[in-house]
Amino acid sequence: MSWAVEEWKEGLSPRVLQKIHELESQVDKLKKERQQRQFQLESLEAALHKQKQKVENEKNEAATLKRENQSLMEVCDSLEKAKQKILHDLQVKESQVNIQSGQLNSSKKDIERLEQELKR
């Protein structure tokens, strides 16, 4: 088949044949360069796709962490409210204990006084 490709060159001057050879060499060189650039382009596109996927994953993770953080903040608020309620209840009970302790002391004094009166 190459003989048919070369047939059209028959009868051409050596100078023209030299120029054709140079042009064919240049075409081959440009084809190789185009292939290399195509490969580079495909590699860069693959790297870009990978980076885009990575960014998307990071965005999803950030959104998940944001939701988790919001949930934890709500839990903290709820626990803080429960703590405040428990502290209030504790203060109320301590106050009741103090009142009852005072009543107990008063009753003890009344009992001691009554016992003293009974002994007399």
Protein backbone atom coordinates (compact mmCIF):
# COMPACT_ATOMS: atom_id res chain seq x y z
CA MET A 1 0.00 0.00 0.00
CA SER A 2 2.86 2.36 0.75
CA TRP A 3 3.98 2.06 -2.91
CA ALA A 4 0.62 3.57 -3.95
CA VAL A 5 1.09 6.40 -1.49
CA GLU A 6 4.54 7.06 -2.86
CA GLU A 7 3.47 6.85 -6.54
CA TRP A 8 2.30 10.44 -6.69
CA LYS A 9 5.81 11.57 -5.82
CA GLU A 10 7.34 10.03 -8.96
CA GLY A 11 8.85 12.53 -11.31
CA LEU A 12 9.11 15.32 -8.76
CA SER A 13 12.35 17.22 -8.39
CA PRO A 14 14.70 16.34 -5.53
CA ARG A 15 14.11 19.77 -4.00
CA VAL A 16 10.33 19.26 -4.00
CA LEU A 17 10.79 15.72 -2.61
CA GLN A 18 12.98 17.17 0.16
CA LYS A 19 10.30 19.73 0.99
CA ILE A 20 7.59 17.00 0.98
CA HIS A 21 9.74 14.90 3.30
CA GLU A 22 10.20 17.89 5.64
CA LEU A 23 6.45 18.56 5.62
CA GLU A 24 5.64 14.90 6.28
CA SER A 25 8.15 14.88 9.15
CA GLN A 26 6.57 18.04 10.50
CA VAL A 27 3.08 16.47 10.21
CA ASP A 28 4.30 13.37 12.11
CA LYS A 29 5.89 15.57 14.75
CA LEU A 30 2.69 17.63 15.10
CA LYS A 31 0.58 14.44 15.35
CA LYS A 32 2.79 13.16 18.16
CA GLU A 33 2.65 16.54 19.89
CA ARG A 34 -1.16 16.59 19.52
CA GLN A 35 -1.36 13.10 21.03
CA GLN A 36 0.80 14.19 23.95
CA ARG A 37 -1.33 17.28 24.50
CA GLN A 38 -4.50 15.22 24.22
CA PHE A 39 -3.12 12.86 26.86
CA GLN A 40 -2.19 15.84 29.07
CA LEU A 41 -5.67 17.29 28.59
CA GLU A 42 -7.31 14.00 29.52
CA SER A 43 -5.05 13.69 32.57
CA LEU A 44 -5.88 17.24 33.65
CA GLU A 45 -9.60 16.65 33.11
CA ALA A 46 -9.40 13.49 35.23
CA ALA A 47 -7.54 15.40 37.96
CA LEU A 48 -10.11 18.21 37.78
CA HIS A 49 -12.95 15.72 38.08
CA LYS A 50 -11.24 14.13 41.06
CA GLN A 51 -10.78 17.54 42.72
CA LYS A 52 -14.42 18.46 42.05
CA GLN A 53 -15.51 15.19 43.63
CA LYS A 54 -13.25 15.89 46.61
CA VAL A 55 -14.74 19.39 47.00
CA GLU A 56 -18.25 17.97 46.80
CA ASN A 57 -17.40 15.38 49.47
CA GLU A 58 -15.92 18.10 51.68
CA LYS A 59 -19.07 20.22 51.24
CA ASN A 60 -21.23 17.25 52.20
CA GLU A 61 -19.06 16.54 55.22
CA ALA A 62 -19.17 20.20 56.25
CA ALA A 63 -22.96 20.21 55.97
CA THR A 64 -23.16 17.02 58.04
CA LEU A 65 -20.86 18.49 60.69
CA LYS A 66 -22.91 21.70 60.73
CA ARG A 67 -26.11 19.72 61.32
CA GLU A 68 -24.40 17.66 64.02
CA ASN A 69 -23.07 20.83 65.65
CA GLN A 70 -26.58 22.37 65.62
CA SER A 71 -27.99 19.20 67.17
CA LEU A 72 -25.31 19.21 69.87
CA MET A 73 -26.00 22.88 70.61
CA GLU A 74 -29.68 22.06 71.05
CA VAL A 75 -28.79 19.20 73.38
CA CYS A 76 -26.51 21.53 75.37
CA ASP A 77 -29.29 24.12 75.64
CA SER A 78 -31.70 21.45 76.78
CA LEU A 79 -29.21 20.17 79.38
CA GLU A 80 -28.55 23.72 80.60
CA LYS A 81 -32.31 24.28 81.07
CA ALA A 82 -32.60 20.96 82.91
CA LYS A 83 -29.64 21.94 85.11
CA GLN A 84 -31.24 25.29 85.95
CA LYS A 85 -34.52 23.56 86.82
CA ILE A 86 -32.70 21.04 89.03
CA LEU A 87 -30.77 23.83 90.76
CA HIS A 88 -34.03 25.69 91.37
CA ASP A 89 -35.68 22.53 92.71
CA LEU A 90 -32.65 21.96 94.95
CA GLN A 91 -32.87 25.49 96.33
CA VAL A 92 -36.59 25.02 97.01
CA LYS A 93 -35.94 21.71 98.80
CA GLU A 94 -33.04 23.18 100.80
CA SER A 95 -35.34 26.00 101.83
CA GLN A 96 -38.00 23.47 102.86
CA VAL A 97 -35.37 21.45 104.78
CA ASN A 98 -34.24 24.62 106.56
CA ILE A 99 -37.83 25.49 107.44
CA GLN A 100 -38.51 21.95 108.68
CA SER A 101 -35.21 21.93 110.54
CA GLY A 102 -36.23 25.17 112.24
CA GLN A 103 -39.63 23.66 113.05
CA LEU A 104 -37.90 20.54 114.40
CA ASN A 105 -35.64 22.62 116.62
CA SER A 106 -38.61 24.64 117.79
CA SER A 107 -40.54 21.43 118.49
CA LYS A 108 -37.56 19.99 120.38
CA LYS A 109 -37.39 23.10 122.51
CA ASP A 110 -41.13 22.89 123.10
CA ILE A 111 -40.76 19.21 124.07
CA GLU A 112 -37.85 19.98 126.40
CA ARG A 113 -39.83 22.81 127.94
CA LEU A 114 -42.87 20.57 128.35
CA GLU A 115 -40.71 17.78 129.82
CA GLN A 116 -39.29 20.31 132.30
CA GLU A 117 -42.77 21.39 133.24
CA LEU A 118 -43.85 17.79 133.68
CA LYS A 119 -40.91 17.09 135.96
CA ARG A 120 -41.90 19.97 138.16
